[in-house]
């Protein structure tokens, strides 16, 4: 029993070092206080949280970037691999990995890689602007919509991989115990991201 508790504590510590608890989405913030409380509690659950994402299911969405330009799932067909990274400006691990994601984008975009960042905190636009400026981000940054709800883990950053047909990719391993293997939870170094991406580019 003591060993089990120790293992669970280690998992929780690792999660806190590489990810942050996710706040309720825009949709939940406009609901009743009871719903908001319930969703906040759900977002703070341990790694037993799981998504509704299913490998092979098409990722369908329509949203805009910070300049009002429209993006939808048609963009996937132009790239061999799309990395969708859900982040928030208040999340240290999210912000910390963004320069590595930018470097990855710069180095692999000519090989068919697209990276998309998605955030929901529209009341923190000043912070978002500062993060993007400091990190030198050039890949698309889009606004969150409820269509992305099924790809959430309860933590940020959470990342999914999408193929050129718009289908979510099963990475073959769960990045936190209790989560399905379509979700990459937590921040990663440039080398770790490169190892992941190279498995799917030119495959």
N, C-alpha and C. Protein backbone atom coordinates (compact mmCIF):
# COMPACT_ATOMS: atom_id res chain seq x y z
N UNK A 1 0.83 -1.20 0.00
CA UNK A 1 0.00 0.00 0.00
C UNK A 1 0.87 1.26 0.00
N UNK A 2 1.93 1.24 0.83
CA UNK A 2 2.82 2.40 0.87
C UNK A 2 3.47 2.63 -0.48
N UNK A 3 3.82 1.52 -1.16
CA UNK A 3 4.44 1.66 -2.48
C UNK A 3 3.47 2.27 -3.46
N UNK A 4 2.21 1.84 -3.43
CA UNK A 4 1.19 2.39 -4.32
C UNK A 4 1.03 3.89 -4.10
N UNK A 5 0.96 4.31 -2.84
CA UNK A 5 0.82 5.73 -2.52
C UNK A 5 2.02 6.50 -3.02
N UNK A 6 3.22 5.93 -2.85
CA UNK A 6 4.43 6.60 -3.31
C UNK A 6 4.42 6.78 -4.82
N UNK A 7 3.98 5.74 -5.53
CA UNK A 7 3.92 5.82 -6.99
C UNK A 7 2.95 6.90 -7.43
N UNK A 8 1.78 6.95 -6.80
CA UNK A 8 0.78 7.96 -7.16
C UNK A 8 1.29 9.37 -6.86
N UNK A 9 2.00 9.53 -5.76
CA UNK A 9 2.58 10.84 -5.44
C UNK A 9 3.62 11.25 -6.48
N UNK A 10 4.42 10.29 -6.92
CA UNK A 10 5.43 10.58 -7.94
C UNK A 10 4.77 11.01 -9.25
N UNK A 11 3.71 10.31 -9.63
CA UNK A 11 2.99 10.65 -10.87
C UNK A 11 2.41 12.05 -10.77
N UNK A 12 1.82 12.36 -9.62
CA UNK A 12 1.23 13.69 -9.43
C UNK A 12 2.29 14.77 -9.48
N UNK A 13 3.45 14.50 -8.87
CA UNK A 13 4.54 15.48 -8.89
C UNK A 13 5.04 15.71 -10.30
N UNK A 14 5.21 14.61 -11.06
CA UNK A 14 5.67 14.74 -12.44
C UNK A 14 4.69 15.55 -13.26
N UNK A 15 3.40 15.32 -13.07
CA UNK A 15 2.38 16.05 -13.80
C UNK A 15 2.44 17.54 -13.48
N UNK A 16 2.67 17.86 -12.20
CA UNK A 16 2.70 19.27 -11.81
C UNK A 16 3.92 19.99 -12.37
N UNK A 17 5.00 19.26 -12.61
CA UNK A 17 6.21 19.87 -13.13
C UNK A 17 6.13 20.15 -14.62
N UNK A 18 5.36 19.36 -15.35
CA UNK A 18 5.30 19.52 -16.80
C UNK A 18 3.96 20.03 -17.30
N UNK A 19 2.98 20.17 -16.41
CA UNK A 19 1.67 20.62 -16.86
C UNK A 19 0.96 21.38 -15.75
N UNK A 20 -0.12 22.06 -16.13
CA UNK A 20 -0.93 22.82 -15.17
C UNK A 20 -2.35 22.32 -15.22
N UNK A 21 -3.09 22.41 -14.10
CA UNK A 21 -4.50 22.06 -14.10
C UNK A 21 -5.25 22.99 -15.03
N UNK A 22 -6.14 22.43 -15.83
CA UNK A 22 -6.86 23.21 -16.84
C UNK A 22 -8.06 23.90 -16.21
N UNK A 23 -8.27 25.17 -16.58
CA UNK A 23 -9.44 25.89 -16.13
C UNK A 23 -10.62 25.51 -17.00
N UNK A 24 -11.86 25.82 -16.56
CA UNK A 24 -13.02 25.54 -17.40
C UNK A 24 -12.92 26.29 -18.72
N UNK A 25 -13.55 25.74 -19.77
CA UNK A 25 -13.54 26.37 -21.08
C UNK A 25 -14.44 27.59 -21.09
N UNK A 26 -14.40 28.35 -22.20
CA UNK A 26 -15.25 29.53 -22.34
C UNK A 26 -16.71 29.17 -22.12
N UNK A 27 -17.11 28.03 -22.68
CA UNK A 27 -18.50 27.63 -22.61
C UNK A 27 -18.94 27.46 -21.16
N UNK A 28 -18.08 26.83 -20.34
CA UNK A 28 -18.46 26.59 -18.95
C UNK A 28 -18.45 27.86 -18.14
N UNK A 29 -17.65 28.86 -18.54
CA UNK A 29 -17.58 30.08 -17.76
C UNK A 29 -18.87 30.88 -17.83
N UNK A 30 -19.70 30.63 -18.84
CA UNK A 30 -20.95 31.34 -18.97
C UNK A 30 -22.11 30.56 -18.38
N UNK A 31 -21.85 29.36 -17.83
CA UNK A 31 -22.91 28.55 -17.24
C UNK A 31 -23.12 28.96 -15.80
N UNK A 32 -24.00 28.24 -15.11
CA UNK A 32 -24.31 28.57 -13.73
C UNK A 32 -23.11 28.32 -12.85
N UNK A 33 -23.12 28.91 -11.66
CA UNK A 33 -22.00 28.73 -10.74
C UNK A 33 -21.86 27.27 -10.34
N UNK A 34 -22.99 26.55 -10.27
CA UNK A 34 -22.93 25.14 -9.92
C UNK A 34 -22.20 24.36 -11.00
N UNK A 35 -22.51 24.63 -12.27
CA UNK A 35 -21.84 23.96 -13.37
C UNK A 35 -20.37 24.31 -13.39
N UNK A 36 -20.05 25.60 -13.14
CA UNK A 36 -18.65 26.02 -13.14
C UNK A 36 -17.88 25.31 -12.06
N UNK A 37 -18.49 25.19 -10.88
CA UNK A 37 -17.82 24.51 -9.78
C UNK A 37 -17.57 23.05 -10.13
N UNK A 38 -18.60 22.39 -10.72
CA UNK A 38 -18.46 20.99 -11.07
C UNK A 38 -17.36 20.79 -12.11
N UNK A 39 -17.30 21.65 -13.14
CA UNK A 39 -16.31 21.51 -14.19
C UNK A 39 -14.92 21.82 -13.67
N UNK A 40 -14.82 22.78 -12.74
CA UNK A 40 -13.52 23.08 -12.14
C UNK A 40 -13.02 21.87 -11.37
N UNK A 41 -13.91 21.23 -10.62
CA UNK A 41 -13.53 20.05 -9.87
C UNK A 41 -13.09 18.94 -10.81
N UNK A 42 -13.82 18.78 -11.93
CA UNK A 42 -13.47 17.74 -12.89
C UNK A 42 -12.11 18.01 -13.49
N UNK A 43 -11.81 19.30 -13.75
CA UNK A 43 -10.53 19.64 -14.38
C UNK A 43 -9.37 19.44 -13.44
N UNK A 44 -9.66 19.36 -12.13
CA UNK A 44 -8.60 19.18 -11.15
C UNK A 44 -8.46 17.73 -10.72
N UNK A 45 -9.18 16.81 -11.40
CA UNK A 45 -9.06 15.41 -11.07
C UNK A 45 -7.64 14.92 -11.34
N UNK A 46 -7.31 13.78 -10.78
CA UNK A 46 -6.00 13.20 -11.01
C UNK A 46 -5.94 12.60 -12.40
N UNK A 47 -4.90 11.85 -12.68
CA UNK A 47 -4.67 11.33 -14.01
C UNK A 47 -5.69 10.30 -14.45
N UNK A 48 -6.75 10.09 -13.68
CA UNK A 48 -7.79 9.20 -14.11
C UNK A 48 -8.67 9.85 -15.17
N UNK A 49 -8.53 11.17 -15.38
CA UNK A 49 -9.29 11.87 -16.40
C UNK A 49 -8.96 11.29 -17.76
N UNK A 50 -9.94 11.19 -18.65
CA UNK A 50 -9.69 10.73 -20.01
C UNK A 50 -10.52 11.53 -20.98
N UNK A 51 -10.09 11.55 -22.25
CA UNK A 51 -10.81 12.31 -23.26
C UNK A 51 -11.79 11.41 -23.99
N UNK A 52 -12.59 12.05 -24.87
CA UNK A 52 -13.52 11.30 -25.71
C UNK A 52 -12.93 11.09 -27.10
N UNK A 53 -11.68 11.48 -27.31
CA UNK A 53 -11.06 11.37 -28.62
C UNK A 53 -10.90 9.90 -29.00
N UNK A 54 -11.14 9.60 -30.26
CA UNK A 54 -11.02 8.24 -30.75
C UNK A 54 -10.08 8.24 -31.95
N UNK A 55 -9.10 7.34 -31.90
CA UNK A 55 -8.15 7.24 -33.00
C UNK A 55 -8.88 7.03 -34.32
N UNK A 56 -8.50 7.79 -35.33
CA UNK A 56 -9.12 7.65 -36.64
C UNK A 56 -10.30 8.56 -36.85
N UNK A 57 -10.87 9.09 -35.76
CA UNK A 57 -11.97 10.04 -35.91
C UNK A 57 -11.44 11.35 -36.49
N UNK A 58 -12.15 11.94 -37.44
CA UNK A 58 -11.67 13.21 -38.00
C UNK A 58 -11.78 14.34 -36.99
N UNK A 59 -10.79 15.21 -36.98
CA UNK A 59 -10.82 16.41 -36.15
C UNK A 59 -11.51 17.50 -36.96
N UNK A 60 -12.64 17.96 -36.48
CA UNK A 60 -13.44 18.96 -37.19
C UNK A 60 -13.59 20.19 -36.31
N UNK A 61 -13.28 21.35 -36.86
CA UNK A 61 -13.38 22.58 -36.09
C UNK A 61 -13.48 23.77 -37.02
N UNK A 62 -13.93 24.88 -36.49
CA UNK A 62 -13.92 26.15 -37.21
C UNK A 62 -13.72 27.24 -36.17
N UNK A 63 -12.66 28.03 -36.36
CA UNK A 63 -12.36 29.09 -35.40
C UNK A 63 -11.58 30.18 -36.11
N UNK A 64 -11.09 31.13 -35.35
CA UNK A 64 -10.32 32.23 -35.93
C UNK A 64 -9.02 32.40 -35.16
N UNK A 65 -8.06 33.06 -35.82
CA UNK A 65 -6.84 33.43 -35.12
C UNK A 65 -7.04 34.79 -34.46
N UNK A 66 -6.00 35.34 -33.91
CA UNK A 66 -6.12 36.59 -33.17
C UNK A 66 -6.38 37.80 -34.08
N UNK A 67 -6.19 37.61 -35.39
CA UNK A 67 -6.49 38.67 -36.35
C UNK A 67 -7.84 38.50 -37.03
N UNK A 68 -8.58 37.46 -36.63
CA UNK A 68 -9.90 37.22 -37.21
C UNK A 68 -9.91 36.36 -38.45
N UNK A 69 -8.75 35.80 -38.84
CA UNK A 69 -8.70 34.91 -40.00
C UNK A 69 -9.29 33.55 -39.63
N UNK A 70 -10.10 33.00 -40.53
CA UNK A 70 -10.80 31.74 -40.26
C UNK A 70 -9.92 30.53 -40.55
N UNK A 71 -9.97 29.56 -39.66
CA UNK A 71 -9.29 28.28 -39.83
C UNK A 71 -10.29 27.16 -39.60
N UNK A 72 -10.17 26.09 -40.38
CA UNK A 72 -10.98 24.90 -40.13
C UNK A 72 -10.18 23.67 -40.52
N UNK A 73 -10.84 22.51 -40.48
CA UNK A 73 -10.14 21.24 -40.69
C UNK A 73 -9.55 21.09 -42.10
N UNK A 74 -9.94 21.93 -43.04
CA UNK A 74 -9.40 21.82 -44.40
C UNK A 74 -7.90 22.07 -44.43
N UNK A 75 -7.38 22.72 -43.41
CA UNK A 75 -5.94 23.03 -43.38
C UNK A 75 -5.09 21.77 -43.27
N UNK A 76 -5.63 20.70 -42.71
CA UNK A 76 -4.85 19.48 -42.50
C UNK A 76 -4.33 18.89 -43.80
N UNK A 77 -5.11 19.00 -44.87
CA UNK A 77 -4.73 18.36 -46.14
C UNK A 77 -3.47 18.97 -46.76
N UNK A 78 -3.09 20.13 -46.31
CA UNK A 78 -1.90 20.80 -46.84
C UNK A 78 -0.61 20.36 -46.14
N UNK A 79 -0.74 19.52 -45.12
CA UNK A 79 0.42 19.13 -44.32
C UNK A 79 0.40 17.63 -44.05
N UNK A 80 1.57 17.06 -43.92
CA UNK A 80 1.67 15.64 -43.61
C UNK A 80 1.30 15.37 -42.16
N UNK A 81 1.67 16.30 -41.30
CA UNK A 81 1.42 16.14 -39.86
C UNK A 81 1.10 17.50 -39.26
N UNK A 82 0.03 17.56 -38.47
CA UNK A 82 -0.32 18.78 -37.75
C UNK A 82 -0.28 18.49 -36.25
N UNK A 83 0.43 19.33 -35.53
CA UNK A 83 0.52 19.25 -34.07
C UNK A 83 -0.35 20.35 -33.50
N UNK A 84 -1.40 19.96 -32.76
CA UNK A 84 -2.27 20.95 -32.12
C UNK A 84 -1.95 20.98 -30.64
N UNK A 85 -1.45 22.11 -30.19
CA UNK A 85 -0.97 22.28 -28.82
C UNK A 85 -1.92 23.20 -28.07
N UNK A 86 -2.61 22.66 -27.05
CA UNK A 86 -3.51 23.44 -26.22
C UNK A 86 -2.71 24.01 -25.05
N UNK A 87 -2.74 25.32 -24.90
CA UNK A 87 -1.92 26.00 -23.90
C UNK A 87 -2.70 27.17 -23.31
N UNK A 88 -2.18 27.74 -22.24
CA UNK A 88 -2.74 28.94 -21.65
C UNK A 88 -1.60 29.86 -21.21
N UNK A 89 -1.81 31.18 -21.23
CA UNK A 89 -0.73 32.12 -20.92
C UNK A 89 -0.27 32.09 -19.47
N UNK A 90 -1.11 31.56 -18.56
CA UNK A 90 -0.74 31.50 -17.15
C UNK A 90 0.01 30.22 -16.79
N UNK A 91 0.16 29.33 -17.75
CA UNK A 91 0.76 28.02 -17.49
C UNK A 91 2.25 28.05 -17.82
N UNK A 92 3.09 27.98 -16.80
CA UNK A 92 4.53 28.04 -16.99
C UNK A 92 5.08 26.98 -17.93
N UNK A 93 4.72 25.69 -17.74
CA UNK A 93 5.22 24.66 -18.66
C UNK A 93 4.78 24.90 -20.11
N UNK A 94 3.56 25.42 -20.30
CA UNK A 94 3.09 25.74 -21.65
C UNK A 94 3.99 26.77 -22.31
N UNK A 95 4.19 27.86 -21.59
CA UNK A 95 5.00 28.97 -22.10
C UNK A 95 6.45 28.53 -22.29
N UNK A 96 6.93 27.71 -21.37
CA UNK A 96 8.32 27.27 -21.43
C UNK A 96 8.67 26.44 -22.65
N UNK A 97 7.70 25.66 -23.16
CA UNK A 97 8.01 24.81 -24.31
C UNK A 97 7.75 25.49 -25.65
N UNK A 98 7.14 26.67 -25.65
CA UNK A 98 6.78 27.31 -26.91
C UNK A 98 7.99 27.66 -27.79
N UNK A 99 9.10 28.14 -27.24
CA UNK A 99 10.26 28.36 -28.11
C UNK A 99 10.75 27.08 -28.79
N UNK A 100 10.65 25.94 -28.09
CA UNK A 100 11.03 24.66 -28.69
C UNK A 100 10.06 24.27 -29.80
N UNK A 101 8.77 24.51 -29.59
CA UNK A 101 7.79 24.24 -30.64
C UNK A 101 8.02 25.14 -31.85
N UNK A 102 8.38 26.40 -31.60
CA UNK A 102 8.69 27.32 -32.70
C UNK A 102 9.90 26.83 -33.50
N UNK A 103 10.92 26.39 -32.78
CA UNK A 103 12.12 25.87 -33.46
C UNK A 103 11.77 24.63 -34.29
N UNK A 104 10.95 23.76 -33.72
CA UNK A 104 10.50 22.57 -34.42
C UNK A 104 9.75 22.96 -35.70
N UNK A 105 8.87 23.93 -35.58
CA UNK A 105 8.09 24.42 -36.73
C UNK A 105 9.02 24.96 -37.82
N UNK A 106 9.99 25.75 -37.42
CA UNK A 106 10.92 26.33 -38.38
C UNK A 106 11.75 25.25 -39.08
N UNK A 107 12.14 24.22 -38.34
CA UNK A 107 13.02 23.19 -38.89
C UNK A 107 12.29 22.13 -39.72
N UNK A 108 10.98 21.95 -39.47
CA UNK A 108 10.28 20.85 -40.13
C UNK A 108 9.09 21.30 -40.99
N UNK A 109 8.80 22.58 -41.06
CA UNK A 109 7.65 23.02 -41.86
C UNK A 109 7.83 22.68 -43.33
N UNK A 110 9.06 22.69 -43.82
CA UNK A 110 9.28 22.36 -45.23
C UNK A 110 9.23 20.86 -45.48
N UNK A 111 9.08 20.07 -44.41
CA UNK A 111 8.91 18.63 -44.54
C UNK A 111 7.45 18.21 -44.30
N UNK A 112 6.57 19.21 -44.19
CA UNK A 112 5.14 18.89 -44.07
C UNK A 112 4.58 19.01 -42.68
N UNK A 113 5.29 19.71 -41.78
CA UNK A 113 4.79 19.86 -40.41
C UNK A 113 4.10 21.21 -40.22
N UNK A 114 2.92 21.18 -39.61
CA UNK A 114 2.23 22.38 -39.16
C UNK A 114 2.04 22.28 -37.66
N UNK A 115 2.30 23.37 -36.95
CA UNK A 115 1.99 23.45 -35.53
C UNK A 115 0.93 24.52 -35.35
N UNK A 116 -0.09 24.20 -34.56
CA UNK A 116 -1.16 25.15 -34.23
C UNK A 116 -1.24 25.25 -32.72
N UNK A 117 -1.23 26.46 -32.19
CA UNK A 117 -1.44 26.69 -30.77
C UNK A 117 -2.87 27.14 -30.55
N UNK A 118 -3.52 26.62 -29.51
CA UNK A 118 -4.91 26.96 -29.21
C UNK A 118 -5.01 27.36 -27.74
N UNK A 119 -5.60 28.53 -27.48
CA UNK A 119 -5.79 28.98 -26.09
C UNK A 119 -7.23 29.46 -25.91
N UNK A 120 -7.69 29.48 -24.65
CA UNK A 120 -9.08 29.86 -24.37
C UNK A 120 -9.21 31.15 -23.57
N UNK A 121 -8.13 31.64 -22.98
CA UNK A 121 -8.21 32.78 -22.07
C UNK A 121 -8.28 34.11 -22.81
N UNK A 122 -9.46 34.44 -23.33
CA UNK A 122 -9.61 35.67 -24.09
C UNK A 122 -9.56 36.92 -23.20
N UNK A 123 -9.71 36.73 -21.90
CA UNK A 123 -9.60 37.86 -20.97
C UNK A 123 -8.14 38.14 -20.59
N UNK A 124 -7.21 37.43 -21.21
CA UNK A 124 -5.79 37.62 -20.92
C UNK A 124 -5.01 37.92 -22.20
N UNK A 125 -5.63 38.70 -23.10
CA UNK A 125 -5.00 38.97 -24.39
C UNK A 125 -3.66 39.66 -24.25
N UNK A 126 -3.52 40.54 -23.25
CA UNK A 126 -2.24 41.20 -23.04
C UNK A 126 -1.15 40.20 -22.70
N UNK A 127 -1.48 39.22 -21.86
CA UNK A 127 -0.52 38.19 -21.49
C UNK A 127 -0.19 37.29 -22.68
N UNK A 128 -1.23 36.98 -23.47
CA UNK A 128 -1.02 36.16 -24.67
C UNK A 128 -0.06 36.88 -25.61
N UNK A 129 -0.30 38.16 -25.83
CA UNK A 129 0.55 38.95 -26.72
C UNK A 129 2.00 38.96 -26.22
N UNK A 130 2.18 39.10 -24.92
CA UNK A 130 3.53 39.12 -24.36
C UNK A 130 4.23 37.78 -24.55
N UNK A 131 3.50 36.69 -24.32
CA UNK A 131 4.07 35.35 -24.49
C UNK A 131 4.49 35.13 -25.94
N UNK A 132 3.61 35.47 -26.87
CA UNK A 132 3.91 35.25 -28.29
C UNK A 132 5.08 36.09 -28.75
N UNK A 133 5.13 37.31 -28.26
CA UNK A 133 6.22 38.21 -28.62
C UNK A 133 7.55 37.73 -28.06
N UNK A 134 7.56 37.36 -26.78
CA UNK A 134 8.78 36.91 -26.13
C UNK A 134 9.30 35.60 -26.72
N UNK A 135 8.36 34.75 -27.15
CA UNK A 135 8.74 33.43 -27.68
C UNK A 135 9.04 33.47 -29.17
N UNK A 136 8.70 34.57 -29.84
CA UNK A 136 8.93 34.68 -31.28
C UNK A 136 8.09 33.73 -32.09
N UNK A 137 6.86 33.49 -31.65
CA UNK A 137 6.00 32.49 -32.30
C UNK A 137 5.53 32.97 -33.67
N UNK A 138 5.70 32.10 -34.68
CA UNK A 138 5.22 32.39 -36.03
C UNK A 138 4.17 31.38 -36.49
N UNK A 139 4.01 30.27 -35.77
CA UNK A 139 2.97 29.32 -36.16
C UNK A 139 1.60 29.85 -35.74
N UNK A 140 0.52 29.38 -36.37
CA UNK A 140 -0.82 29.92 -36.09
C UNK A 140 -1.25 29.73 -34.64
N UNK A 141 -1.81 30.78 -34.07
CA UNK A 141 -2.38 30.74 -32.72
C UNK A 141 -3.88 30.99 -32.86
N UNK A 142 -4.68 30.00 -32.47
CA UNK A 142 -6.12 30.05 -32.68
C UNK A 142 -6.87 30.14 -31.35
N UNK A 143 -8.10 30.60 -31.45
CA UNK A 143 -8.98 30.70 -30.27
C UNK A 143 -9.72 29.38 -30.06
N UNK A 144 -9.89 29.04 -28.81
CA UNK A 144 -10.55 27.79 -28.42
C UNK A 144 -12.04 27.84 -28.74
N UNK A 145 -12.58 26.73 -29.21
CA UNK A 145 -14.03 26.57 -29.35
C UNK A 145 -14.43 25.25 -28.70
N UNK A 146 -15.72 25.06 -28.48
CA UNK A 146 -16.20 23.84 -27.82
C UNK A 146 -15.91 22.58 -28.64
N UNK A 147 -15.64 22.74 -29.94
CA UNK A 147 -15.31 21.59 -30.77
C UNK A 147 -14.02 20.90 -30.31
N UNK A 148 -13.20 21.63 -29.55
CA UNK A 148 -11.95 21.06 -29.05
C UNK A 148 -12.13 20.36 -27.69
N UNK A 149 -13.33 20.41 -27.13
CA UNK A 149 -13.53 19.86 -25.79
C UNK A 149 -13.11 18.40 -25.67
N UNK A 150 -13.39 17.62 -26.71
CA UNK A 150 -13.12 16.18 -26.63
C UNK A 150 -11.64 15.84 -26.62
N UNK A 151 -10.79 16.82 -26.88
CA UNK A 151 -9.35 16.57 -26.91
C UNK A 151 -8.65 17.10 -25.65
N UNK A 152 -9.40 17.32 -24.60
CA UNK A 152 -8.84 17.86 -23.36
C UNK A 152 -8.56 16.75 -22.36
N UNK A 153 -7.50 16.94 -21.59
CA UNK A 153 -7.09 15.94 -20.60
C UNK A 153 -7.36 16.40 -19.17
N UNK A 154 -7.68 17.68 -19.00
CA UNK A 154 -7.75 18.24 -17.66
C UNK A 154 -6.48 18.99 -17.30
N UNK A 155 -5.48 18.93 -18.19
CA UNK A 155 -4.21 19.61 -17.98
C UNK A 155 -3.83 20.40 -19.23
N UNK A 156 -3.02 21.43 -19.06
CA UNK A 156 -2.33 22.06 -20.17
C UNK A 156 -0.84 22.09 -19.83
N UNK A 157 0.05 21.97 -20.83
CA UNK A 157 -0.32 21.74 -22.22
C UNK A 157 -0.78 20.30 -22.47
N UNK A 158 -1.73 20.16 -23.38
CA UNK A 158 -2.11 18.88 -23.95
C UNK A 158 -2.00 19.03 -25.45
N UNK A 159 -1.48 18.02 -26.11
CA UNK A 159 -1.21 18.09 -27.54
C UNK A 159 -1.77 16.86 -28.24
N UNK A 160 -2.32 17.06 -29.44
CA UNK A 160 -2.74 15.95 -30.27
C UNK A 160 -2.04 16.05 -31.62
N UNK A 161 -1.89 14.91 -32.27
CA UNK A 161 -1.30 14.83 -33.60
C UNK A 161 -2.41 14.47 -34.59
N UNK A 162 -2.39 15.12 -35.75
CA UNK A 162 -3.43 14.90 -36.76
C UNK A 162 -2.75 14.63 -38.10
N UNK A 163 -3.23 13.62 -38.84
CA UNK A 163 -2.62 13.32 -40.14
C UNK A 163 -3.23 14.18 -41.25
N UNK A 164 -2.79 13.98 -42.47
CA UNK A 164 -3.21 14.83 -43.58
C UNK A 164 -4.67 14.64 -43.95
N UNK A 165 -5.27 13.53 -43.49
CA UNK A 165 -6.70 13.29 -43.71
C UNK A 165 -7.55 13.88 -42.60
N UNK A 166 -6.91 14.51 -41.62
CA UNK A 166 -7.64 15.12 -40.51
C UNK A 166 -7.97 14.16 -39.40
N UNK A 167 -7.35 12.97 -39.41
CA UNK A 167 -7.63 11.97 -38.38
C UNK A 167 -6.64 12.08 -37.23
N UNK A 168 -7.15 11.96 -36.02
CA UNK A 168 -6.28 12.01 -34.85
C UNK A 168 -5.42 10.75 -34.80
N UNK A 169 -4.15 10.91 -34.45
CA UNK A 169 -3.19 9.82 -34.45
C UNK A 169 -3.02 9.26 -33.05
N UNK A 170 -3.06 7.93 -32.95
CA UNK A 170 -2.74 7.26 -31.69
C UNK A 170 -1.23 7.14 -31.62
N UNK A 171 -0.62 7.76 -30.61
CA UNK A 171 0.83 7.74 -30.50
C UNK A 171 1.37 6.41 -30.01
N UNK A 172 0.48 5.55 -29.53
CA UNK A 172 0.90 4.23 -29.08
C UNK A 172 1.30 4.16 -27.62
N UNK A 173 1.27 5.31 -26.94
CA UNK A 173 1.59 5.29 -25.51
C UNK A 173 0.85 6.40 -24.81
N UNK A 174 0.45 6.14 -23.58
CA UNK A 174 -0.21 7.16 -22.77
C UNK A 174 0.87 7.96 -22.06
N UNK A 175 0.79 9.28 -22.17
CA UNK A 175 1.83 10.12 -21.59
C UNK A 175 1.58 10.41 -20.10
N UNK A 176 0.39 10.14 -19.62
CA UNK A 176 0.12 10.11 -18.19
C UNK A 176 -0.79 8.92 -17.95
N UNK A 177 -0.55 8.21 -16.89
CA UNK A 177 -1.34 7.02 -16.58
C UNK A 177 -2.81 7.36 -16.47
N UNK A 178 -3.65 6.56 -17.10
CA UNK A 178 -5.09 6.77 -17.04
C UNK A 178 -5.64 7.55 -18.21
N UNK A 179 -4.78 8.13 -19.04
CA UNK A 179 -5.23 8.88 -20.21
C UNK A 179 -5.06 8.03 -21.46
N UNK A 180 -5.92 8.26 -22.46
CA UNK A 180 -5.77 7.48 -23.68
C UNK A 180 -4.56 7.96 -24.47
N UNK A 181 -4.10 7.13 -25.40
CA UNK A 181 -2.83 7.39 -26.06
C UNK A 181 -2.96 8.28 -27.29
N UNK A 182 -4.09 8.98 -27.43
CA UNK A 182 -4.17 10.03 -28.45
C UNK A 182 -3.72 11.37 -27.88
N UNK A 183 -3.54 11.44 -26.57
CA UNK A 183 -3.21 12.70 -25.91
C UNK A 183 -1.75 12.70 -25.44
N UNK A 184 -1.05 13.78 -25.75
CA UNK A 184 0.29 13.99 -25.23
C UNK A 184 0.17 15.07 -24.18
N UNK A 185 0.33 14.71 -22.92
CA UNK A 185 0.09 15.62 -21.82
C UNK A 185 1.40 16.08 -21.22
N UNK A 186 1.53 17.39 -21.02
CA UNK A 186 2.73 17.94 -20.42
C UNK A 186 3.66 18.55 -21.45
N UNK A 187 4.61 19.34 -20.96
CA UNK A 187 5.58 19.99 -21.83
C UNK A 187 6.70 19.03 -22.17
N UNK A 188 7.34 19.28 -23.32
CA UNK A 188 8.44 18.44 -23.78
C UNK A 188 9.57 19.32 -24.30
N UNK A 189 10.77 18.79 -24.27
CA UNK A 189 11.93 19.50 -24.81
C UNK A 189 11.93 19.41 -26.33
N UNK A 190 12.80 20.20 -26.95
CA UNK A 190 12.90 20.14 -28.41
C UNK A 190 13.23 18.72 -28.88
N UNK A 191 14.20 18.10 -28.23
CA UNK A 191 14.60 16.75 -28.63
C UNK A 191 13.48 15.74 -28.51
N UNK A 192 12.68 15.86 -27.47
CA UNK A 192 11.55 14.95 -27.29
C UNK A 192 10.51 15.17 -28.38
N UNK A 193 10.22 16.44 -28.69
CA UNK A 193 9.26 16.73 -29.76
C UNK A 193 9.79 16.24 -31.10
N UNK A 194 11.07 16.42 -31.33
CA UNK A 194 11.66 15.98 -32.60
C UNK A 194 11.52 14.47 -32.75
N UNK A 195 11.77 13.72 -31.68
CA UNK A 195 11.63 12.27 -31.73
C UNK A 195 10.20 11.86 -32.07
N UNK A 196 9.23 12.57 -31.50
CA UNK A 196 7.83 12.26 -31.75
C UNK A 196 7.46 12.57 -33.20
N UNK A 197 7.83 13.75 -33.67
CA UNK A 197 7.45 14.20 -35.01
C UNK A 197 8.09 13.35 -36.09
N UNK A 198 9.34 12.99 -35.90
CA UNK A 198 10.04 12.22 -36.93
C UNK A 198 9.46 10.84 -37.14
N UNK A 199 8.71 10.33 -36.17
CA UNK A 199 8.06 9.03 -36.33
C UNK A 199 6.97 9.08 -37.41
N UNK A 200 6.42 10.27 -37.65
CA UNK A 200 5.25 10.39 -38.53
C UNK A 200 5.53 11.13 -39.83
N UNK A 201 6.58 11.90 -39.88
CA UNK A 201 6.92 12.58 -41.13
C UNK A 201 7.64 11.61 -42.05
N UNK A 202 7.12 11.47 -43.24
CA UNK A 202 7.74 10.57 -44.21
C UNK A 202 7.51 9.11 -43.93
N UNK A 203 6.58 8.83 -42.98
CA UNK A 203 6.32 7.42 -42.63
C UNK A 203 5.52 6.74 -43.73
